[in-house]
Structure formats: structure tokens, C-alpha cells
Amino acid sequence: MKRPRTPSFALVDDDYSGCHSFGTPKRLRPQDGFDANSLLPTMDLDRDNNRSCDMDDWNALKELHALAIEVYEGTSPLDALPLLRRVLRESERFLSIYRDPSLVYAPAPVYSPRPSPPALPTSDALLSHDWDNDDAFSSPSSLLLTLEPTTDPSRPPEPITAFYTIYGSALFAFGTLIIRDPTIVQSDEVPTPGYYFARALDVMEVGENHPRRARQDGTVPEDFRLALTCGRTLVYLAEERLSGQPQRTLPAYADTLWPAESPFSAKSLPFPPRRLSLPRLGPSGILSLAVDQLMRGFLHMPHTHKQPLPNSPNSNFPRCRTLHTIGSEMLAIASKLPAASDRKQWAMWADRNAFAQMTFEADAEPWRPQLALARGKCCMVAAKASLHTLSSQLASGTPSALDTTEVADCADLLNKTVRHLTLASHTEDAPAVAQEARTLLLEAHEMLSNVPKEPDLRETSMDRSESTTRSPAVAATATAAAVRRRSLSARCRSIAASVVDLCTHA
């Protein structure tokens, strides 16, 4: 009888240079000591029979991936590097054996015919029956075979895209680790993070276009993890594009990227990925694609409950931490965008769609200081963008820059910034957060003092209306209004210069 293959845990040698995502792993040996940084789950796989995968291998891969992501999201993400390399290697082994790895874990479809139709009546009876029967011309669905998947009622069904989520998220995490520390790349690994982001998108596009996923009748849950990872990958790709390195990403979408013998070659896939038109998009366009995926993930992402739900594998999903991570990533790239309108748009998206959702979760209380600081930063980025637009219009002499709504919106954003940062600065549980909030609060007060007030602009609008009057009876008033307007224009130019100086040194 074949020995069952279950995951075991062993300690690894410090020299891990021979293990990479495309090679054969070294034989791991147990040690007497215990080091949490070198803890690596090893799969008791029969390497002599490397052309087979079963449910034990799939469960071991899921356990390995869960541990890798847990370490990656911890305080030392670089410690997850050997785990992620192991996940990539095992995922490619699955692809080298199965054209569709979901065959290992997905319920096997069973074709069962529906009950046979009754015997056909005579032509006269059929004719009279058809005239009185509304369903006479309906589709003969009773003659078709139906797909009835067999599932274990004690185990919740897994998404068809589960493998592609594991593989894609491992590629994404590996790319982000290269951004943190480029020296981790080994000699036989691609050194550019955009390569891994593009490959992760290819993997997840294959999962999105899976034929069985298109035929789901609602019994199989939506894979929200796939949507979230895809959205986060697009955010990082937008940042790569923003850094002026599009050449790292563009070749990853060529059809000749993978060798013909590669298990991920487009020719070897049963359903090749649907290529995204990323080379023609700028950073803001890529972010638009990212938020489509992120919002779909938010919709299906489980909420946190005070009591775990029975028979729910995702009842303990860290929704608050996920929302904070995604919001922080979006805010980081929003503050770097060249266009002021884009900075304001995506900073407010992070505030309203990521951070604001955290306030409705059951476990949001420990996140209050970080949440207040993050929302204050979002409003400050948006306010700086509004001030930059306003100052540019004032410097160019555009009359519409004196519109009350433009300045009121800027002042409202700064007031929100002050409110959030004040709340964060009063926390005692997070001294670092409070200190950062106090520093930003001083800057927000200084910016708020330089925003033109509504009464000044209301007076400007009245003066402009008086100056356009042609009646001689109000000529003196129009002259006085012109004098006041010139004085106000000089003051606005001074304000614009100070705002530009603030935005330059911010």
C-alpha cells in the first residue's frame, strides 16, 4: 500500500543557495535545535515518483502557503523567502503534471441523464396537445446531460481558482520582497519585481478564465482572495510604471515570454490567459483596473464577527488588517502621482473605500490610532492636491480659481485632516503614531491658515459683478470695486506663492 504523504516540519541548513523556484530542492535534514527563522515545512514527497499529485500533496501545499503568508505578513517579511520559494517550486510541479491543477482538489463532475421523456403520442393527439400547451416549443433540456458535482457535505467546497490564488499570491509576495531588499535575488532568478507581478497576473488571469468557473451555479464560493491579490498586484505594477521603468513590465506580456517546454507556456495551457492592455495604460489607468478587482474582493470578503461562525473556513479572516494594508498601498502610490487630480482621486479612494470600512468591523478597536493617522494622511494628500491646483490657477490669473466651492472643498479637506490627526495625536497606546500625528498636525494648521476664506471670495464675486455694470449711476462703485479687486489679486498671488512653497517643501 502506498504510504500517505503528509507535511512534516524540519529545520533547514543555513546554506539555502541551491533551492530556488525552478530547481530541485535539497534534501532537508532535521536538527536538534529550534530556530523560528529557519522553520520550513517539508513535504514527504516521493521524488522518485515526481509525476503524481494527490489530495495529500494539495493539502500540504495549502499548509505551506498559509505558513508562508503568515510569516510574510508578520514583523519580518523577509523570513518568508524560503517558504515562498518552496511554494513556487511545488506550484510549478503541479503545473508540470496537470494542465489543469484544479483536477486534484475540485469535485469531479458526474454526468447523469435526466429522466427519459415519455413515449411520443400520435400526430393528431400531439397536434391538439401542442395548441393547448405553452411549453410545447421550449428547449428540450430534459434530453441534455447535466453536470452534478459531488461534494463532501462536511467540507466546504473550495473555489476552482484556489491553486491559481496560491501560485499568484506567492509570485506577488516574492516580487514585493525584491522591492524591500534587491540583494535576496539568487543568480538564477529574475532580479526585477515587475517580472513576478506580470507573471502573477498571468496566473490569476488563467484562474479567472477557467471554464468550470464560468459554469458555477452559486454553490462554489467566489474566490475573494484572487480578486484582492490581483488588485494589489496591479497597484504595484502602477508604481513600477510610475518609477519610469515600463520596460520591466512590457516584455512580460509578450507571447514569446515562456519557453515552449515551460509548464506555463501559453501553448501548453488549456485556456491561455486573457492579456490585459497594460502597456497602453498609465499609472492612473492601471489603478482603475486595480480598484475593479479590489472592490470585487471587498464585496465577497467575509466580515469579522465577535463569535466565529460554525462551518465557516473564513470566519477568522483578518478583514481590518487587509483593508489597512490595501489602503496604505493605495495611499503610498497616490502621493507619488504627478497629476494633482489623480493624487486627490486615489487618496480619497483609499480613505472612503478602505479605511472608512474598518470603522464598521467588530475588531476595529485596536486599529483606532493607525486608522485615524491613515485617514488624516489621505485627507492631507487630497488637500495638498487641491491647494496645488488652486495656486496654479491663481498664479496664471484664472478667474475661476476664485470660485467659493473650490476653496471650500480645500478647507473642508484640511479640517478633516486636523480632526483625524488630533484624534491620533491623543492616543497613548501607540507613541510612534501619536508623534507622527503631531508633526503632521502642525503642517496641516499651517496649510489651513493660508487658505483664502469664503467672505473674501464672496466680496470678490460682488466686485466682479459690479465691474461689469454699464450704468453711469454705479460708475463710482465700479471704480472702487476695481481698486479692491486689484488689491485682492495681489493678496491672492501672495497666497499662491506661499502655497506653492508649502507644496514644494511638503
Protein backbone atom coordinates (compact mmCIF):
# COMPACT_ATOMS: atom_id res chain seq x y z
CA MET A 1 0.00 0.00 0.00
CA LYS A 2 1.21 3.45 -0.88
CA ARG A 3 2.34 5.39 2.14
CA PRO A 4 0.25 8.55 2.69
CA ARG A 5 2.16 11.74 2.14
CA THR A 6 1.63 14.28 4.87
CA PRO A 7 3.51 17.50 5.63
CA SER A 8 6.14 17.40 8.31
CA PHE A 9 8.33 20.09 9.80
CA ALA A 10 12.12 20.14 9.81
CA LEU A 11 14.87 22.64 10.22
CA VAL A 12 16.94 23.68 7.24
CA ASP A 13 20.62 24.28 6.71
CA ASP A 14 21.72 27.91 6.65
CA ASP A 15 23.01 27.36 3.10
CA TYR A 16 19.86 27.52 1.01
CA SER A 17 21.53 28.69 -2.17
CA GLY A 18 20.64 25.57 -4.10
CA CYS A 19 16.89 25.99 -3.58
CA HIS A 20 15.09 28.26 -5.97
CA SER A 21 11.73 28.40 -7.68
CA PHE A 22 12.85 26.47 -10.76
CA GLY A 23 15.20 23.88 -9.34
CA THR A 24 15.12 20.70 -7.30
CA PRO A 25 15.16 21.17 -3.53
CA LYS A 26 18.00 19.93 -1.42
CA ARG A 27 17.33 17.06 0.94
CA LEU A 28 16.34 18.63 4.25
CA ARG A 29 17.70 17.16 7.43
CA PRO A 30 16.37 17.57 10.98
CA GLN A 31 18.33 19.44 13.60
CA ASP A 32 18.36 19.21 17.36
CA GLY A 33 17.88 22.94 17.97
CA PHE A 34 14.95 25.15 17.15
CA ASP A 35 15.13 28.38 15.17
CA ALA A 36 11.88 30.10 14.23
CA ASN A 37 13.57 31.93 11.35
CA SER A 38 14.58 28.70 9.66
CA LEU A 39 11.37 26.76 10.25
CA LEU A 40 10.35 25.30 6.93
CA PRO A 41 7.54 22.80 6.32
CA THR A 42 8.79 19.96 4.15
CA MET A 43 6.58 17.67 2.14
CA ASP A 44 7.27 14.00 2.44
CA LEU A 45 7.10 13.57 -1.31
CA ASP A 46 8.35 10.56 -3.20
CA ARG A 47 10.79 12.34 -5.51
CA ASP A 48 11.38 9.15 -7.47
CA ASN A 49 7.73 9.33 -8.50
CA ASN A 50 7.60 13.05 -9.21
CA ARG A 51 4.85 12.68 -11.78
CA SER A 52 1.97 12.33 -9.37
CA CYS A 53 -0.04 14.65 -7.17
CA ASP A 54 -2.96 13.82 -4.94
CA MET A 55 -5.05 15.41 -2.21
CA ASP A 56 -2.27 14.93 0.34
CA ASP A 57 0.06 16.97 -1.85
CA TRP A 58 -2.63 19.62 -2.30
CA ASN A 59 -3.29 19.88 1.45
CA ALA A 60 0.45 20.11 2.08
CA LEU A 61 0.76 22.91 -0.47
CA LYS A 62 -2.10 24.81 1.17
CA GLU A 63 -0.50 24.43 4.60
CA LEU A 64 2.87 25.57 3.25
CA HIS A 65 1.31 28.60 1.57
CA ALA A 66 -0.65 29.55 4.70
CA LEU A 67 2.53 29.46 6.78
CA ALA A 68 4.44 31.48 4.17
CA ILE A 69 1.77 34.20 4.09
CA GLU A 70 1.59 34.26 7.89
CA VAL A 71 5.33 34.89 8.12
CA TYR A 72 5.19 37.35 5.21
CA GLU A 73 2.52 39.44 6.94
CA GLY A 74 4.39 39.37 10.24
CA THR A 75 7.07 41.66 11.59
CA SER A 76 9.89 40.12 9.49
CA PRO A 77 8.58 39.55 5.95
CA LEU A 78 11.98 38.53 4.59
CA ASP A 79 11.86 35.41 6.78
CA ALA A 80 9.18 34.09 4.43
CA LEU A 81 11.60 33.95 1.50
CA PRO A 82 12.49 30.21 1.71
CA LEU A 83 8.83 29.35 2.26
CA LEU A 84 7.75 31.32 -0.81
CA ARG A 85 10.45 29.67 -2.91
CA ARG A 86 9.12 26.30 -1.80
CA VAL A 87 5.55 27.31 -2.70
CA LEU A 88 6.67 28.43 -6.16
CA ARG A 89 8.56 25.22 -6.73
CA GLU A 90 5.66 23.00 -5.68
CA SER A 91 3.20 25.05 -7.72
CA GLU A 92 5.30 24.59 -10.82
CA ARG A 93 5.49 20.87 -10.09
CA PHE A 94 1.68 20.79 -10.09
CA LEU A 95 1.64 22.60 -13.43
CA SER A 96 4.19 20.23 -14.90
CA ILE A 97 1.94 17.27 -14.06
CA TYR A 98 -1.54 18.67 -14.68
CA ARG A 99 -2.60 21.04 -17.41
CA ASP A 100 -5.39 21.98 -15.01
CA PRO A 101 -4.29 21.55 -11.35
CA SER A 102 -7.86 22.06 -10.14
CA LEU A 103 -8.48 18.44 -11.15
CA VAL A 104 -6.67 17.45 -7.95
CA TYR A 105 -8.93 19.23 -5.45
CA ALA A 106 -12.09 20.23 -7.30
CA PRO A 107 -15.11 17.92 -7.10
CA ALA A 108 -15.25 15.60 -10.05
CA PRO A 109 -18.20 16.27 -12.35
CA VAL A 110 -20.68 13.44 -12.77
CA TYR A 111 -22.72 13.27 -15.93
CA SER A 112 -26.16 11.89 -15.18
CA PRO A 113 -29.05 11.90 -17.66
CA ARG A 114 -32.37 13.30 -16.60
CA PRO A 115 -35.44 11.07 -16.66
CA SER A 116 -36.31 9.85 -20.13
CA PRO A 117 -39.17 11.67 -21.84
CA PRO A 118 -42.49 9.84 -22.16
CA ALA A 119 -43.44 8.00 -25.31
CA LEU A 120 -44.48 10.27 -28.14
CA PRO A 121 -48.24 10.35 -28.79
CA THR A 122 -49.83 10.09 -32.18
CA SER A 123 -49.65 13.02 -34.57
CA ASP A 124 -53.31 14.02 -34.07
CA ALA A 125 -53.05 13.95 -30.30
CA LEU A 126 -49.72 15.76 -30.45
CA LEU A 127 -51.20 18.49 -32.65
CA SER A 128 -54.16 19.16 -30.35
CA HIS A 129 -51.90 18.96 -27.30
CA ASP A 130 -49.39 21.45 -28.73
CA TRP A 131 -52.05 24.08 -29.37
CA ASP A 132 -53.06 23.98 -25.70
CA ASN A 133 -49.56 23.62 -24.20
CA ASP A 134 -47.43 26.75 -23.71
CA ASP A 135 -44.28 24.68 -23.20
CA ALA A 136 -44.56 22.81 -26.46
CA PHE A 137 -41.81 24.82 -28.11
CA SER A 138 -39.49 25.04 -25.12
CA SER A 139 -35.92 23.81 -25.25
CA PRO A 140 -35.60 20.02 -24.86
CA SER A 141 -33.49 20.38 -21.76
CA SER A 142 -34.72 17.05 -20.45
CA LEU A 143 -32.66 15.33 -23.12
CA LEU A 144 -29.42 17.02 -22.10
CA LEU A 145 -26.85 15.70 -19.67
CA THR A 146 -26.27 17.87 -16.63
CA LEU A 147 -23.19 18.49 -14.56
CA GLU A 148 -23.78 17.45 -10.97
CA PRO A 149 -20.60 17.83 -8.92
CA THR A 150 -20.20 15.52 -5.99
CA THR A 151 -19.10 17.38 -2.87
CA ASP A 152 -18.39 16.31 0.66
CA PRO A 153 -21.07 17.94 2.85
CA SER A 154 -18.72 18.00 5.84
CA ARG A 155 -16.13 20.10 3.97
CA PRO A 156 -16.97 23.47 2.39
CA PRO A 157 -16.33 23.49 -1.36
CA GLU A 158 -13.11 25.14 -2.49
CA PRO A 159 -13.05 27.70 -5.28
CA ILE A 160 -11.98 26.37 -8.64
CA THR A 161 -9.32 29.08 -8.66
CA ALA A 162 -7.71 28.05 -5.34
CA PHE A 163 -4.47 26.83 -6.96
CA TYR A 164 -4.11 29.98 -9.04
CA THR A 165 -4.65 32.10 -5.94
CA ILE A 166 -1.84 30.28 -4.13
CA TYR A 167 0.56 30.47 -7.06
CA GLY A 168 -0.27 34.08 -7.92
CA SER A 169 -0.06 35.35 -4.35
CA ALA A 170 3.32 33.65 -3.88
CA LEU A 171 4.65 35.35 -7.02
CA PHE A 172 3.25 38.67 -5.84
CA ALA A 173 4.80 38.32 -2.38
CA PHE A 174 8.14 37.33 -3.89
CA GLY A 175 8.14 40.46 -6.05
CA THR A 176 7.41 42.71 -3.08
CA LEU A 177 10.29 41.16 -1.14
CA ILE A 178 12.63 42.04 -4.01
CA ILE A 179 11.47 45.65 -3.69
CA ARG A 180 12.30 45.54 0.03
CA ASP A 181 15.74 44.02 -0.48
CA PRO A 182 17.08 43.51 -4.04
CA THR A 183 20.03 41.51 -2.70
CA ILE A 184 17.84 38.47 -1.97
CA VAL A 185 17.75 37.52 -5.66
CA GLN A 186 19.83 34.48 -6.47
CA SER A 187 21.90 34.07 -9.62
CA ASP A 188 19.27 32.00 -11.45
CA GLU A 189 16.30 34.27 -10.54
CA VAL A 190 14.99 37.30 -12.40
CA PRO A 191 16.03 40.42 -10.43
CA THR A 192 13.15 42.70 -11.47
CA PRO A 193 9.95 42.73 -9.37
CA GLY A 194 7.84 43.65 -12.40
CA TYR A 195 8.57 40.22 -13.85
CA TYR A 196 6.94 38.48 -10.89
CA PHE A 197 4.00 40.90 -10.85
CA ALA A 198 3.34 40.30 -14.54
CA ARG A 199 3.63 36.56 -14.10
CA ALA A 200 1.27 36.66 -11.11
CA LEU A 201 -1.29 38.48 -13.27
CA ASP A 202 -0.93 35.80 -15.94
CA VAL A 203 -1.52 33.07 -13.37
CA MET A 204 -4.60 34.76 -11.94
CA GLU A 205 -5.98 35.52 -15.40
CA VAL A 206 -5.84 31.80 -16.14
CA GLY A 207 -7.85 31.17 -12.99
CA GLU A 208 -10.36 33.89 -13.88
CA ASN A 209 -10.95 32.32 -17.31
CA HIS A 210 -11.31 28.78 -16.02
CA PRO A 211 -14.16 27.08 -17.93
CA ARG A 212 -15.67 25.46 -14.85
CA ARG A 213 -15.67 28.81 -13.06
CA ALA A 214 -17.88 30.21 -15.81
CA ARG A 215 -20.37 27.38 -15.22
CA GLN A 216 -20.68 27.81 -11.46
CA ASP A 217 -24.28 27.83 -10.28
CA GLY A 218 -23.60 29.61 -7.00
CA THR A 219 -22.72 26.54 -4.92
CA VAL A 220 -18.99 27.28 -5.17
CA PRO A 221 -17.97 30.46 -3.31
CA GLU A 222 -16.35 33.40 -5.05
CA ASP A 223 -12.59 33.48 -4.56
CA PHE A 224 -12.21 36.91 -2.99
CA ARG A 225 -8.52 36.25 -2.28
CA LEU A 226 -7.84 36.01 -6.01
CA ALA A 227 -9.52 39.37 -6.64
CA LEU A 228 -7.66 41.06 -3.77
CA THR A 229 -4.28 39.70 -4.86
CA CYS A 230 -4.92 40.69 -8.46
CA GLY A 231 -5.84 44.22 -7.39
CA ARG A 232 -2.78 44.58 -5.17
CA THR A 233 -0.56 43.30 -7.97
CA LEU A 234 -1.94 45.94 -10.32
CA VAL A 235 -1.26 48.63 -7.70
CA TYR A 236 2.39 47.58 -7.52
CA LEU A 237 2.59 47.45 -11.32
CA ALA A 238 1.26 51.01 -11.42
CA GLU A 239 4.04 52.02 -9.04
CA GLU A 240 6.57 50.30 -11.30
CA ARG A 241 5.20 52.28 -14.22
CA LEU A 242 5.36 55.45 -12.15
CA SER A 243 9.02 54.90 -11.33
CA GLY A 244 9.86 55.23 -15.02
CA GLN A 245 10.64 51.56 -15.63
CA PRO A 246 7.96 50.37 -18.08
CA GLN A 247 10.48 48.21 -19.90
CA ARG A 248 10.46 45.81 -16.95
CA THR A 249 6.78 45.09 -17.35
CA LEU A 250 6.12 45.26 -21.09
CA PRO A 251 8.09 42.13 -22.11
CA ALA A 252 6.17 40.07 -19.57
CA TYR A 253 3.07 40.30 -21.75
CA ALA A 254 4.68 39.06 -24.94
CA ASP A 255 3.54 35.66 -26.17
CA THR A 256 7.16 34.54 -26.51
CA LEU A 257 8.00 35.13 -22.85
CA TRP A 258 7.85 31.48 -21.77
CA PRO A 259 9.87 28.74 -23.50
CA ALA A 260 7.86 26.09 -25.28
CA GLU A 261 8.89 23.46 -22.74
CA SER A 262 7.85 25.63 -19.80
CA PRO A 263 4.75 24.41 -17.91
CA PHE A 264 3.46 27.96 -18.00
CA SER A 265 3.92 28.46 -21.73
CA ALA A 266 0.78 29.83 -23.38
CA LYS A 267 0.85 26.95 -25.87
CA SER A 268 0.73 24.36 -23.09
CA LEU A 269 -2.19 25.92 -21.23
CA PRO A 270 -5.71 24.60 -21.89
CA PHE A 271 -7.10 28.15 -21.61
CA PRO A 272 -4.42 30.82 -22.18
CA PRO A 273 -4.67 34.00 -20.14
CA ARG A 274 -6.60 36.97 -21.48
CA ARG A 275 -3.92 39.59 -21.95
CA LEU A 276 -4.52 42.92 -20.29
CA SER A 277 -3.77 46.07 -22.26
CA LEU A 278 -1.38 47.35 -19.62
CA PRO A 279 1.36 48.62 -21.96
CA ARG A 280 -1.00 51.33 -23.24
CA LEU A 281 -2.10 52.49 -19.77
CA GLY A 282 -0.54 54.99 -17.44
CA PRO A 283 -0.38 54.62 -13.66
CA SER A 284 -3.87 56.06 -13.14
CA GLY A 285 -5.34 53.76 -15.78
CA ILE A 286 -3.77 50.72 -14.14
CA LEU A 287 -5.16 51.85 -10.79
CA SER A 288 -8.63 51.96 -12.36
CA LEU A 289 -8.23 48.28 -13.25
CA ALA A 290 -6.92 47.57 -9.75
CA VAL A 291 -9.91 49.08 -7.95
CA ASP A 292 -12.28 46.98 -10.06
CA GLN A 293 -10.63 43.86 -8.65
CA LEU A 294 -10.32 45.29 -5.14
CA MET A 295 -13.98 46.28 -4.94
CA ARG A 296 -15.00 42.79 -6.07
CA GLY A 297 -12.78 41.35 -3.35
CA PHE A 298 -14.25 43.73 -0.74
CA LEU A 299 -17.75 42.66 -1.74
CA HIS A 300 -17.10 38.95 -1.13
CA MET A 301 -14.57 39.34 1.70
CA PRO A 302 -16.10 37.99 4.95
CA HIS A 303 -16.78 40.38 7.79
CA THR A 304 -15.33 39.87 11.24
CA HIS A 305 -17.74 38.62 13.89
CA LYS A 306 -17.29 38.59 17.63
CA GLN A 307 -18.10 34.88 17.66
CA PRO A 308 -16.69 32.65 14.87
CA LEU A 309 -19.37 31.26 12.64
CA PRO A 310 -19.71 27.46 12.62
CA ASN A 311 -18.62 25.59 9.48
CA SER A 312 -17.13 28.78 8.03
CA PRO A 313 -13.50 28.46 6.90
CA ASN A 314 -13.17 32.25 6.51
CA SER A 315 -14.79 33.33 9.79
CA ASN A 316 -11.39 34.38 11.20
CA PHE A 317 -10.26 36.24 8.08
CA PRO A 318 -8.42 39.47 9.13
CA ARG A 319 -10.61 41.95 7.26
CA CYS A 320 -9.35 45.00 9.17
CA ARG A 321 -5.71 44.18 8.55
CA THR A 322 -6.41 43.52 4.87
CA LEU A 323 -8.27 46.81 4.45
CA HIS A 324 -5.49 48.72 6.21
CA THR A 325 -2.82 47.10 4.04
CA ILE A 326 -4.64 47.81 0.78
CA GLY A 327 -5.48 51.37 1.83
CA SER A 328 -1.85 52.05 2.79
CA GLU A 329 -0.59 50.69 -0.53
CA MET A 330 -3.06 52.85 -2.46
CA LEU A 331 -2.17 55.92 -0.40
CA ALA A 332 1.55 55.35 -0.98
CA ILE A 333 1.20 55.44 -4.76
CA ALA A 334 -1.42 58.21 -4.69
CA SER A 335 1.02 60.58 -3.02
CA LYS A 336 3.54 59.98 -5.85
CA LEU A 337 1.28 60.56 -8.88
CA PRO A 338 2.30 63.57 -10.98
CA ALA A 339 -1.20 64.96 -11.63
CA ALA A 340 -2.86 66.74 -8.71
CA SER A 341 -6.31 65.50 -9.73
CA ASP A 342 -5.07 61.89 -9.69
CA ARG A 343 -3.47 62.33 -6.28
CA LYS A 344 -6.72 63.64 -4.86
CA GLN A 345 -8.83 60.94 -6.54
CA TRP A 346 -6.86 57.93 -5.34
CA ALA A 347 -6.11 59.31 -1.88
CA MET A 348 -9.82 59.81 -1.29
CA TRP A 349 -10.50 56.32 -2.70
CA ALA A 350 -8.18 54.87 -0.06
CA ASP A 351 -9.97 56.88 2.64
CA ARG A 352 -13.56 56.14 1.62
CA ASN A 353 -13.29 52.58 0.33
CA ALA A 354 -10.59 51.05 2.53
CA PHE A 355 -10.04 52.95 5.78
CA ALA A 356 -13.65 54.04 6.27
CA GLN A 357 -14.80 50.41 6.03
CA MET A 358 -12.64 49.48 9.00
CA THR A 359 -14.83 51.53 11.34
CA PHE A 360 -17.73 49.10 10.82
CA GLU A 361 -15.82 45.95 11.78
CA ALA A 362 -16.12 44.17 15.11
CA ASP A 363 -12.35 44.08 15.68
CA ALA A 364 -11.64 47.71 14.68
CA GLU A 365 -10.90 48.95 18.22
CA PRO A 366 -7.17 48.04 18.25
CA TRP A 367 -6.79 49.80 14.91
CA ARG A 368 -8.18 53.17 16.05
CA PRO A 369 -4.83 55.05 16.29
CA GLN A 370 -3.48 53.73 12.98
CA LEU A 371 -6.85 54.32 11.34
CA ALA A 372 -7.04 57.95 12.45
CA LEU A 373 -3.48 58.60 11.27
CA ALA A 374 -4.09 56.94 7.90
CA ARG A 375 -7.31 58.87 7.27
CA GLY A 376 -5.55 62.10 8.22
CA LYS A 377 -2.80 61.35 5.71
CA CYS A 378 -5.37 60.67 2.98
CA CYS A 379 -7.12 63.99 3.58
CA MET A 380 -3.80 65.82 3.69
CA VAL A 381 -2.68 64.39 0.33
CA ALA A 382 -6.02 65.38 -1.19
CA ALA A 383 -5.84 68.85 0.38
CA LYS A 384 -2.32 69.40 -0.94
CA ALA A 385 -3.52 68.42 -4.40
CA SER A 386 -6.40 70.90 -4.17
CA LEU A 387 -4.07 73.65 -2.95
CA HIS A 388 -1.65 72.92 -5.76
CA THR A 389 -4.45 73.21 -8.33
CA LEU A 390 -5.76 76.38 -6.72
CA SER A 391 -2.34 78.00 -6.53
CA SER A 392 -1.62 77.19 -10.18
CA GLN A 393 -4.87 78.79 -11.26
CA LEU A 394 -4.28 81.87 -9.11
CA ALA A 395 -0.74 82.27 -10.43
CA SER A 396 -1.99 82.11 -14.02
CA GLY A 397 -4.74 84.66 -13.34
CA THR A 398 -7.65 82.29 -14.00
CA PRO A 399 -10.87 83.92 -12.71
CA SER A 400 -12.49 80.55 -11.93
CA ALA A 401 -9.84 79.96 -9.28
CA LEU A 402 -11.73 82.35 -7.04
CA ASP A 403 -14.78 80.11 -7.03
CA THR A 404 -16.01 79.63 -3.48
CA THR A 405 -16.66 75.88 -3.89
CA GLU A 406 -13.05 75.17 -4.84
CA VAL A 407 -11.67 76.86 -1.77
CA ALA A 408 -14.42 75.50 0.47
CA ASP A 409 -13.55 71.96 -0.64
CA CYS A 410 -9.90 72.57 0.13
CA ALA A 411 -10.72 74.00 3.55
CA ASP A 412 -13.04 71.07 4.29
CA LEU A 413 -10.29 68.58 3.48
CA LEU A 414 -7.87 70.38 5.77
CA ASN A 415 -10.45 70.49 8.57
CA LYS A 416 -10.92 66.72 8.22
CA THR A 417 -7.15 66.33 8.29
CA VAL A 418 -6.92 68.28 11.53
CA ARG A 419 -9.78 66.28 13.07
CA HIS A 420 -8.27 62.88 12.25
CA LEU A 421 -4.73 63.85 13.23
CA THR A 422 -5.90 65.37 16.50
CA LEU A 423 -7.60 62.10 17.37
CA ALA A 424 -4.45 60.15 16.50
CA SER A 425 -2.19 62.51 18.47
CA HIS A 426 -4.12 61.91 21.71
CA THR A 427 -3.62 58.15 21.74
CA GLU A 428 -1.47 56.68 24.49
CA ASP A 429 -1.26 53.10 23.24
CA ALA A 430 0.87 53.94 20.17
CA PRO A 431 3.52 56.61 20.96
CA ALA A 432 5.05 56.46 17.48
CA VAL A 433 1.65 57.06 15.86
CA ALA A 434 0.95 59.97 18.21
CA GLN A 435 4.32 61.59 17.49
CA GLU A 436 3.86 61.32 13.72
CA ALA A 437 0.33 62.71 14.02
CA ARG A 438 1.58 65.76 15.98
CA THR A 439 4.17 66.52 13.30
CA LEU A 440 1.59 66.33 10.52
CA LEU A 441 -0.88 68.33 12.60
CA LEU A 442 1.45 71.35 12.69
CA GLU A 443 1.77 71.20 8.92
CA ALA A 444 -2.00 70.93 8.48
CA HIS A 445 -2.61 74.01 10.66
CA GLU A 446 -0.07 75.99 8.66
CA MET A 447 -1.71 74.99 5.39
CA LEU A 448 -5.16 75.83 6.73
CA SER A 449 -4.05 79.33 7.68
CA ASN A 450 -3.07 80.03 4.06
CA VAL A 451 -6.39 79.02 2.50
CA PRO A 452 -8.49 82.05 1.33
CA LYS A 453 -11.66 82.42 3.36
CA GLU A 454 -15.18 82.47 1.94
CA PRO A 455 -16.02 86.13 2.84
CA ASP A 456 -13.04 87.36 0.80
CA LEU A 457 -14.18 85.36 -2.20
CA ARG A 458 -17.79 86.43 -1.75
CA GLU A 459 -16.62 90.07 -1.82
CA THR A 460 -14.58 89.30 -4.92
CA SER A 461 -17.63 87.89 -6.69
CA MET A 462 -19.64 91.01 -5.80
CA ASP A 463 -16.85 93.28 -7.06
CA ARG A 464 -16.66 91.33 -10.31
CA SER A 465 -20.42 91.70 -10.75
CA GLU A 466 -20.22 95.47 -10.11
CA SER A 467 -17.36 95.92 -12.55
CA THR A 468 -19.44 94.50 -15.37
CA THR A 469 -22.24 97.06 -14.80
CA ARG A 470 -22.51 99.64 -17.62
CA SER A 471 -24.85 102.12 -15.90
CA PRO A 472 -23.27 105.56 -15.16
CA ALA A 473 -25.09 105.64 -11.84
CA VAL A 474 -22.81 102.97 -10.48
CA ALA A 475 -19.60 104.09 -12.15
CA ALA A 476 -18.10 105.24 -8.89
CA THR A 477 -18.95 101.94 -7.24
CA ALA A 478 -17.40 100.04 -10.14
CA THR A 479 -14.23 102.08 -9.86
CA ALA A 480 -13.96 101.37 -6.16
CA ALA A 481 -14.60 97.68 -6.86
CA ALA A 482 -11.78 97.63 -9.39
CA VAL A 483 -9.42 99.06 -6.80
CA ARG A 484 -10.45 96.45 -4.26
CA ARG A 485 -10.11 93.72 -6.88
CA ARG A 486 -6.55 94.72 -7.73
CA SER A 487 -5.68 94.69 -4.06
CA LEU A 488 -7.29 91.28 -3.64
CA SER A 489 -5.50 89.90 -6.70
CA ALA A 490 -2.18 90.97 -5.25
CA ARG A 491 -3.07 89.26 -1.97
CA CYS A 492 -4.14 86.09 -3.81
CA ARG A 493 -0.87 85.99 -5.72
CA SER A 494 0.96 86.24 -2.42
CA ILE A 495 -1.15 83.38 -1.04
CA ALA A 496 -0.48 81.35 -4.16
CA ALA A 497 3.27 81.84 -3.80
CA SER A 498 3.15 80.71 -0.17
CA VAL A 499 1.03 77.67 -1.06
CA VAL A 500 3.39 76.66 -3.85
CA ASP A 501 6.28 76.98 -1.40
CA LEU A 502 4.43 74.78 1.10
CA CYS A 503 3.64 72.15 -1.52
CA THR A 504 7.28 72.19 -2.67
CA HIS A 505 8.69 71.60 0.80
CA ALA A 506 5.94 69.22 1.98
